[in-house]
C-alpha cells in the first residue's frame, strides 16, 4: 500500500511506502542485520557479538528455539572463530528458510499428543473388541 504525498506535486512525485507493503528480500535483511551486529565495522563478527545480538535484538522464535550454539555452529562451519558478512548472509538466509519450514516445537508436541491420543483410542477399541470376542466365545 502506498501513501500519496498529496499536495506535493503531480503523478511523478515520490510516494512514501509503508513497511507492510515493501518486504526486503531475506539476503538484504541479513545484510542489514550483520551491519547492526558488526558494531566495530571489521567486516566479520565473533560469537560474543552474536550472543549480544541474541540478547538485545530478540531474534525470531525459530532462531531462539534453535539456540545460539546451533546458530553459531551453522555460521562458523570452518571453526575460525569469526564469520564474514558473506558467510553470515548465506548461512542465516539458509537457516531462516530451513527453520521456517520445520514445525515449531509447540506444533510438534501437539502433533505428538494427537498421535498418542489416536493410538490410545485405537488400543481401547481393540481391547473392547477383544472383550466382546471373549464373551461370545
N, C-alpha and C. Protein backbone atom coordinates (compact mmCIF):
# COMPACT_ATOMS: atom_id res chain seq x y z
N UNK A 1 0.85 -1.16 0.00
CA UNK A 1 0.00 0.00 0.00
C UNK A 1 0.89 1.22 0.00
N UNK A 2 0.69 2.12 -0.94
CA UNK A 2 1.49 3.33 -0.95
C UNK A 2 0.65 4.49 -0.48
N UNK A 3 1.32 5.45 0.10
CA UNK A 3 0.64 6.63 0.59
C UNK A 3 1.09 7.79 -0.27
N UNK A 4 0.15 8.41 -0.95
CA UNK A 4 0.48 9.53 -1.81
C UNK A 4 0.86 10.73 -0.96
N UNK A 5 1.85 11.43 -1.41
CA UNK A 5 2.25 12.66 -0.73
C UNK A 5 1.42 13.79 -1.30
N UNK A 6 0.12 13.77 -1.05
CA UNK A 6 -0.84 14.71 -1.62
C UNK A 6 -0.43 16.16 -1.42
N UNK A 7 -0.69 16.97 -2.44
CA UNK A 7 -0.41 18.38 -2.37
C UNK A 7 1.06 18.69 -2.60
N UNK A 8 1.86 17.66 -2.93
CA UNK A 8 3.28 17.90 -3.10
C UNK A 8 3.71 17.79 -4.55
N UNK A 9 2.79 17.61 -5.46
CA UNK A 9 3.20 17.55 -6.85
C UNK A 9 2.30 16.64 -7.64
N UNK A 10 2.75 16.29 -8.83
CA UNK A 10 1.95 15.50 -9.74
C UNK A 10 2.19 14.02 -9.61
N UNK A 11 1.85 13.31 -10.66
CA UNK A 11 1.93 11.85 -10.69
C UNK A 11 3.35 11.35 -10.50
N UNK A 12 4.33 12.06 -11.01
CA UNK A 12 5.71 11.59 -10.96
C UNK A 12 6.44 11.93 -9.67
N UNK A 13 5.74 12.45 -8.69
CA UNK A 13 6.37 12.78 -7.42
C UNK A 13 6.55 11.51 -6.59
N UNK A 14 7.54 11.48 -5.71
CA UNK A 14 7.78 10.28 -4.88
C UNK A 14 6.59 9.97 -3.98
N UNK A 15 6.47 8.72 -3.65
CA UNK A 15 5.45 8.27 -2.73
C UNK A 15 6.13 7.60 -1.56
N UNK A 16 5.56 7.78 -0.39
CA UNK A 16 6.07 7.09 0.80
C UNK A 16 5.46 5.70 0.83
N UNK A 17 6.26 4.72 1.18
CA UNK A 17 5.78 3.35 1.24
C UNK A 17 5.69 2.93 2.70
N UNK A 18 4.63 2.23 3.03
CA UNK A 18 4.53 1.71 4.38
C UNK A 18 5.39 0.47 4.48
N UNK A 19 5.82 0.13 5.67
CA UNK A 19 6.65 -1.05 5.87
C UNK A 19 5.94 -2.33 5.51
N UNK A 20 4.61 -2.34 5.65
CA UNK A 20 3.85 -3.56 5.38
C UNK A 20 3.85 -3.91 3.91
N UNK A 21 4.04 -2.93 3.06
CA UNK A 21 3.94 -3.22 1.64
C UNK A 21 5.27 -3.56 1.01
N UNK A 22 6.33 -3.10 1.61
CA UNK A 22 7.63 -3.27 0.98
C UNK A 22 8.45 -4.26 1.79
N UNK A 23 8.52 -5.48 1.33
CA UNK A 23 9.27 -6.51 2.05
C UNK A 23 10.67 -6.60 1.47
N UNK A 24 11.63 -6.61 2.37
CA UNK A 24 13.02 -6.78 1.97
C UNK A 24 13.28 -8.24 1.68
N UNK A 25 14.04 -8.53 0.63
CA UNK A 25 14.43 -9.93 0.41
C UNK A 25 15.28 -10.41 1.59
N UNK A 26 15.24 -11.72 1.88
CA UNK A 26 15.98 -12.25 3.03
C UNK A 26 17.46 -11.87 3.04
N UNK A 27 18.13 -11.92 1.90
CA UNK A 27 19.56 -11.59 1.88
C UNK A 27 19.78 -10.14 2.27
N UNK A 28 18.89 -9.27 1.86
CA UNK A 28 19.02 -7.86 2.21
C UNK A 28 18.77 -7.66 3.72
N UNK A 29 17.81 -8.38 4.27
CA UNK A 29 17.55 -8.32 5.71
C UNK A 29 18.77 -8.78 6.49
N UNK A 30 19.37 -9.88 6.03
CA UNK A 30 20.52 -10.44 6.74
C UNK A 30 21.74 -9.53 6.62
N UNK A 31 21.88 -8.86 5.50
CA UNK A 31 22.98 -7.90 5.33
C UNK A 31 22.82 -6.75 6.31
N UNK A 32 21.60 -6.23 6.41
CA UNK A 32 21.33 -5.14 7.36
C UNK A 32 21.55 -5.60 8.80
N UNK A 33 21.14 -6.83 9.10
CA UNK A 33 21.33 -7.38 10.43
C UNK A 33 22.82 -7.52 10.75
N UNK A 34 23.59 -8.02 9.80
CA UNK A 34 25.02 -8.17 10.01
C UNK A 34 25.65 -6.81 10.32
N UNK A 35 25.25 -5.80 9.57
CA UNK A 35 25.81 -4.47 9.78
C UNK A 35 25.49 -3.94 11.18
N UNK A 36 24.34 -4.32 11.74
CA UNK A 36 23.99 -3.92 13.11
C UNK A 36 24.82 -4.68 14.13
N UNK A 37 25.11 -5.94 13.84
CA UNK A 37 25.88 -6.77 14.77
C UNK A 37 27.36 -6.41 14.73
N UNK A 38 27.87 -6.10 13.54
CA UNK A 38 29.28 -5.76 13.36
C UNK A 38 29.52 -4.31 13.81
N UNK A 39 29.44 -4.10 15.11
CA UNK A 39 29.49 -2.75 15.67
C UNK A 39 30.84 -2.07 15.47
N UNK A 40 31.91 -2.85 15.32
CA UNK A 40 33.22 -2.24 15.13
C UNK A 40 33.59 -2.10 13.65
N UNK A 41 32.70 -2.54 12.74
CA UNK A 41 32.90 -2.35 11.30
C UNK A 41 34.05 -3.13 10.71
N UNK A 42 34.43 -4.25 11.31
CA UNK A 42 35.56 -5.04 10.82
C UNK A 42 35.21 -5.91 9.61
N UNK A 43 33.93 -6.10 9.35
CA UNK A 43 33.54 -6.96 8.24
C UNK A 43 33.40 -8.41 8.64
N UNK A 44 33.56 -8.69 9.93
CA UNK A 44 33.33 -10.03 10.45
C UNK A 44 32.82 -9.89 11.88
N UNK A 45 32.14 -10.94 12.34
CA UNK A 45 31.65 -10.95 13.71
C UNK A 45 32.16 -12.20 14.42
N UNK A 46 32.16 -12.13 15.75
CA UNK A 46 32.55 -13.30 16.53
C UNK A 46 31.34 -13.78 17.32
N UNK A 47 31.51 -14.88 18.04
CA UNK A 47 30.41 -15.48 18.77
C UNK A 47 29.88 -14.54 19.86
N UNK A 48 30.76 -13.79 20.48
CA UNK A 48 30.34 -12.86 21.53
C UNK A 48 29.42 -11.78 20.95
N UNK A 49 29.74 -11.28 19.78
CA UNK A 49 28.88 -10.27 19.15
C UNK A 49 27.52 -10.86 18.80
N UNK A 50 27.51 -12.11 18.33
CA UNK A 50 26.24 -12.76 18.00
C UNK A 50 25.44 -12.99 19.28
N UNK A 51 26.11 -13.38 20.35
CA UNK A 51 25.42 -13.60 21.62
C UNK A 51 24.79 -12.30 22.12
N UNK A 52 25.51 -11.21 21.98
CA UNK A 52 24.98 -9.91 22.38
C UNK A 52 23.76 -9.55 21.54
N UNK A 53 23.83 -9.83 20.24
CA UNK A 53 22.69 -9.57 19.35
C UNK A 53 21.49 -10.43 19.74
N UNK A 54 21.75 -11.68 20.11
CA UNK A 54 20.68 -12.58 20.55
C UNK A 54 19.95 -11.98 21.75
N UNK A 55 20.69 -11.38 22.66
CA UNK A 55 20.10 -10.81 23.87
C UNK A 55 19.38 -9.50 23.60
N UNK A 56 19.93 -8.66 22.75
CA UNK A 56 19.41 -7.32 22.56
C UNK A 56 18.38 -7.19 21.44
N UNK A 57 18.45 -8.04 20.44
CA UNK A 57 17.62 -7.85 19.24
C UNK A 57 16.41 -8.76 19.16
N UNK A 58 16.23 -9.66 20.12
CA UNK A 58 15.08 -10.54 20.14
C UNK A 58 14.87 -11.25 18.80
N UNK A 59 15.70 -12.25 18.49
CA UNK A 59 15.58 -12.93 17.20
C UNK A 59 14.24 -13.65 17.05
N UNK A 60 13.85 -13.95 15.83
CA UNK A 60 12.59 -14.68 15.61
C UNK A 60 12.59 -16.01 16.38
N UNK A 61 11.41 -16.48 16.72
CA UNK A 61 11.24 -17.69 17.53
C UNK A 61 12.02 -18.89 17.00
N UNK A 62 12.01 -19.19 15.69
CA UNK A 62 12.76 -20.37 15.24
C UNK A 62 14.25 -20.29 15.60
N UNK A 63 14.83 -19.09 15.56
CA UNK A 63 16.24 -18.94 15.91
C UNK A 63 16.42 -19.06 17.42
N UNK A 64 15.48 -18.54 18.19
CA UNK A 64 15.54 -18.68 19.64
C UNK A 64 15.47 -20.15 20.03
N UNK A 65 14.55 -20.88 19.38
CA UNK A 65 14.40 -22.30 19.69
C UNK A 65 15.63 -23.09 19.28
N UNK A 66 16.24 -22.72 18.18
CA UNK A 66 17.46 -23.41 17.73
C UNK A 66 18.60 -23.14 18.71
N UNK A 67 18.65 -21.93 19.24
CA UNK A 67 19.67 -21.57 20.22
C UNK A 67 20.93 -21.00 19.61
N UNK A 68 21.62 -20.21 20.41
CA UNK A 68 22.84 -19.54 19.97
C UNK A 68 23.90 -20.53 19.49
N UNK A 69 24.11 -21.61 20.24
CA UNK A 69 25.16 -22.57 19.88
C UNK A 69 24.91 -23.18 18.50
N UNK A 70 23.67 -23.54 18.25
CA UNK A 70 23.33 -24.13 16.95
C UNK A 70 23.52 -23.11 15.83
N UNK A 71 23.02 -21.90 16.05
CA UNK A 71 23.14 -20.86 15.02
C UNK A 71 24.60 -20.57 14.74
N UNK A 72 25.40 -20.39 15.79
CA UNK A 72 26.81 -20.10 15.59
C UNK A 72 27.50 -21.27 14.86
N UNK A 73 27.18 -22.48 15.25
CA UNK A 73 27.77 -23.66 14.59
C UNK A 73 27.44 -23.71 13.10
N UNK A 74 26.26 -23.29 12.75
CA UNK A 74 25.88 -23.27 11.33
C UNK A 74 26.60 -22.16 10.57
N UNK A 75 26.86 -21.05 11.25
CA UNK A 75 27.52 -19.92 10.60
C UNK A 75 29.03 -20.11 10.50
N UNK A 76 29.65 -20.60 11.57
CA UNK A 76 31.11 -20.75 11.62
C UNK A 76 31.50 -22.19 11.34
N UNK A 77 31.20 -22.65 10.14
CA UNK A 77 31.45 -24.04 9.80
C UNK A 77 32.94 -24.35 9.65
N UNK A 78 33.76 -23.33 9.47
CA UNK A 78 35.21 -23.54 9.35
C UNK A 78 35.88 -23.52 10.72
N UNK A 79 35.10 -23.26 11.77
CA UNK A 79 35.63 -23.16 13.14
C UNK A 79 36.75 -22.12 13.25
N UNK A 80 36.58 -21.00 12.56
CA UNK A 80 37.61 -19.96 12.57
C UNK A 80 37.44 -18.99 13.73
N UNK A 81 36.26 -18.99 14.35
CA UNK A 81 36.00 -18.06 15.44
C UNK A 81 35.39 -16.75 14.98
N UNK A 82 35.36 -16.55 13.67
CA UNK A 82 34.72 -15.36 13.12
C UNK A 82 33.90 -15.75 11.89
N UNK A 83 32.94 -14.89 11.57
CA UNK A 83 32.07 -15.12 10.41
C UNK A 83 32.05 -13.85 9.58
N UNK A 84 32.35 -13.98 8.31
CA UNK A 84 32.33 -12.82 7.41
C UNK A 84 30.89 -12.44 7.07
N UNK A 85 30.73 -11.28 6.48
CA UNK A 85 29.39 -10.84 6.08
C UNK A 85 28.80 -11.83 5.09
N UNK A 86 29.59 -12.28 4.13
CA UNK A 86 29.10 -13.22 3.13
C UNK A 86 28.66 -14.54 3.78
N UNK A 87 29.47 -15.07 4.71
CA UNK A 87 29.12 -16.30 5.41
C UNK A 87 27.84 -16.10 6.22
N UNK A 88 27.75 -14.95 6.89
CA UNK A 88 26.58 -14.66 7.72
C UNK A 88 25.31 -14.60 6.86
N UNK A 89 25.37 -13.82 5.80
CA UNK A 89 24.18 -13.65 4.95
C UNK A 89 23.76 -14.99 4.35
N UNK A 90 24.71 -15.73 3.83
CA UNK A 90 24.41 -17.02 3.22
C UNK A 90 23.86 -18.00 4.26
N UNK A 91 24.55 -18.13 5.39
CA UNK A 91 24.15 -19.07 6.43
C UNK A 91 22.81 -18.73 7.05
N UNK A 92 22.61 -17.47 7.37
CA UNK A 92 21.35 -17.06 8.00
C UNK A 92 20.17 -17.18 7.04
N UNK A 93 20.40 -16.86 5.78
CA UNK A 93 19.32 -16.98 4.79
C UNK A 93 18.91 -18.44 4.65
N UNK A 94 19.89 -19.33 4.60
CA UNK A 94 19.62 -20.76 4.50
C UNK A 94 18.89 -21.25 5.75
N UNK A 95 19.42 -20.87 6.93
CA UNK A 95 18.78 -21.30 8.18
C UNK A 95 17.37 -20.76 8.31
N UNK A 96 17.16 -19.52 7.91
CA UNK A 96 15.84 -18.92 8.01
C UNK A 96 14.84 -19.73 7.20
N UNK A 97 15.24 -20.13 6.01
CA UNK A 97 14.37 -20.94 5.16
C UNK A 97 14.11 -22.30 5.80
N UNK A 98 15.15 -22.96 6.29
CA UNK A 98 15.01 -24.28 6.89
C UNK A 98 14.18 -24.24 8.17
N UNK A 99 14.46 -23.29 9.04
CA UNK A 99 13.75 -23.22 10.32
C UNK A 99 12.28 -22.87 10.14
N UNK A 100 11.98 -22.07 9.15
CA UNK A 100 10.58 -21.71 8.92
C UNK A 100 9.79 -22.88 8.33
N UNK A 101 10.49 -23.80 7.67
CA UNK A 101 9.82 -24.95 7.08
C UNK A 101 9.56 -26.03 8.11
N UNK A 102 10.35 -26.06 9.18
CA UNK A 102 10.18 -27.07 10.22
C UNK A 102 9.05 -26.66 11.15
N UNK A 103 8.25 -27.61 11.58
CA UNK A 103 7.20 -27.24 12.54
C UNK A 103 7.84 -26.80 13.85
N UNK A 104 7.19 -25.89 14.52
CA UNK A 104 7.71 -25.41 15.79
C UNK A 104 7.64 -26.54 16.81
N UNK A 105 8.34 -26.37 17.91
CA UNK A 105 8.32 -27.38 18.97
C UNK A 105 6.91 -27.53 19.52
N UNK A 106 6.19 -26.43 19.62
CA UNK A 106 4.81 -26.50 20.13
C UNK A 106 3.94 -27.31 19.17
N UNK A 107 4.12 -27.06 17.87
CA UNK A 107 3.35 -27.83 16.88
C UNK A 107 3.73 -29.30 16.94
N UNK A 108 5.02 -29.57 17.09
CA UNK A 108 5.47 -30.96 17.17
C UNK A 108 4.90 -31.65 18.40
N UNK A 109 4.89 -30.94 19.52
CA UNK A 109 4.34 -31.52 20.75
C UNK A 109 2.85 -31.78 20.59
N UNK A 110 2.14 -30.84 19.97
CA UNK A 110 0.69 -31.02 19.74
C UNK A 110 0.44 -32.20 18.81
N UNK A 111 1.25 -32.33 17.76
CA UNK A 111 1.10 -33.45 16.84
C UNK A 111 1.37 -34.77 17.55
N UNK A 112 2.39 -34.78 18.42
CA UNK A 112 2.72 -36.00 19.15
C UNK A 112 1.58 -36.36 20.10
N UNK A 113 1.02 -35.36 20.76
CA UNK A 113 -0.08 -35.61 21.69
C UNK A 113 -1.29 -36.16 20.93
N UNK A 114 -1.57 -35.58 19.75
CA UNK A 114 -2.68 -36.08 18.94
C UNK A 114 -2.44 -37.53 18.51
N UNK A 115 -1.20 -37.84 18.12
CA UNK A 115 -0.87 -39.20 17.71
C UNK A 115 -1.02 -40.17 18.88
N UNK A 116 -0.55 -39.74 20.05
CA UNK A 116 -0.67 -40.58 21.24
C UNK A 116 -2.13 -40.83 21.57
N UNK A 117 -2.95 -39.79 21.45
CA UNK A 117 -4.38 -39.92 21.73
C UNK A 117 -5.04 -40.88 20.73
N UNK A 118 -4.63 -40.78 19.46
CA UNK A 118 -5.17 -41.67 18.43
C UNK A 118 -4.78 -43.12 18.72
N UNK A 119 -3.54 -43.35 19.10
CA UNK A 119 -3.08 -44.70 19.42
C UNK A 119 -3.84 -45.25 20.63
N UNK A 120 -4.01 -44.40 21.65
CA UNK A 120 -4.74 -44.82 22.84
C UNK A 120 -6.18 -45.19 22.48
N UNK A 121 -6.81 -44.38 21.66
CA UNK A 121 -8.20 -44.67 21.25
C UNK A 121 -8.26 -45.97 20.48
N UNK A 122 -7.28 -46.19 19.62
CA UNK A 122 -7.24 -47.44 18.84
C UNK A 122 -7.04 -48.64 19.75
N UNK A 123 -6.16 -48.50 20.74
CA UNK A 123 -5.91 -49.59 21.69
C UNK A 123 -7.17 -49.88 22.50
N UNK A 124 -7.87 -48.84 22.93
CA UNK A 124 -9.12 -49.02 23.68
C UNK A 124 -10.15 -49.76 22.82
N UNK A 125 -10.23 -49.38 21.55
CA UNK A 125 -11.19 -50.03 20.65
C UNK A 125 -10.84 -51.51 20.47
N UNK A 126 -9.54 -51.81 20.31
CA UNK A 126 -9.10 -53.20 20.17
C UNK A 126 -9.40 -54.00 21.44
N UNK A 127 -9.17 -53.38 22.59
CA UNK A 127 -9.48 -54.06 23.86
C UNK A 127 -10.97 -54.35 23.97
N UNK A 128 -11.79 -53.39 23.57
CA UNK A 128 -13.25 -53.60 23.60
C UNK A 128 -13.65 -54.74 22.67
N UNK A 129 -13.04 -54.78 21.50
CA UNK A 129 -13.34 -55.86 20.55
C UNK A 129 -12.92 -57.20 21.14
N UNK A 130 -11.74 -57.22 21.78
CA UNK A 130 -11.26 -58.44 22.43
C UNK A 130 -12.19 -58.92 23.52
N UNK A 131 -12.68 -57.97 24.30
CA UNK A 131 -13.62 -58.30 25.38
C UNK A 131 -14.91 -58.89 24.82
N UNK A 132 -15.42 -58.30 23.75
CA UNK A 132 -16.65 -58.80 23.11
C UNK A 132 -16.43 -60.19 22.55
N UNK A 133 -15.27 -60.42 21.93
CA UNK A 133 -14.98 -61.73 21.35
C UNK A 133 -14.89 -62.78 22.45
N UNK A 134 -14.21 -62.43 23.56
CA UNK A 134 -14.05 -63.37 24.66
C UNK A 134 -15.40 -63.72 25.29
N UNK A 135 -16.32 -62.75 25.36
CA UNK A 135 -17.63 -63.00 25.95
C UNK A 135 -18.49 -63.92 25.06
N UNK A 136 -18.30 -63.78 23.74
CA UNK A 136 -19.12 -64.57 22.83
C UNK A 136 -18.49 -65.94 22.56
N UNK A 137 -17.26 -66.12 22.92
CA UNK A 137 -16.59 -67.40 22.65
C UNK A 137 -16.89 -68.47 23.65
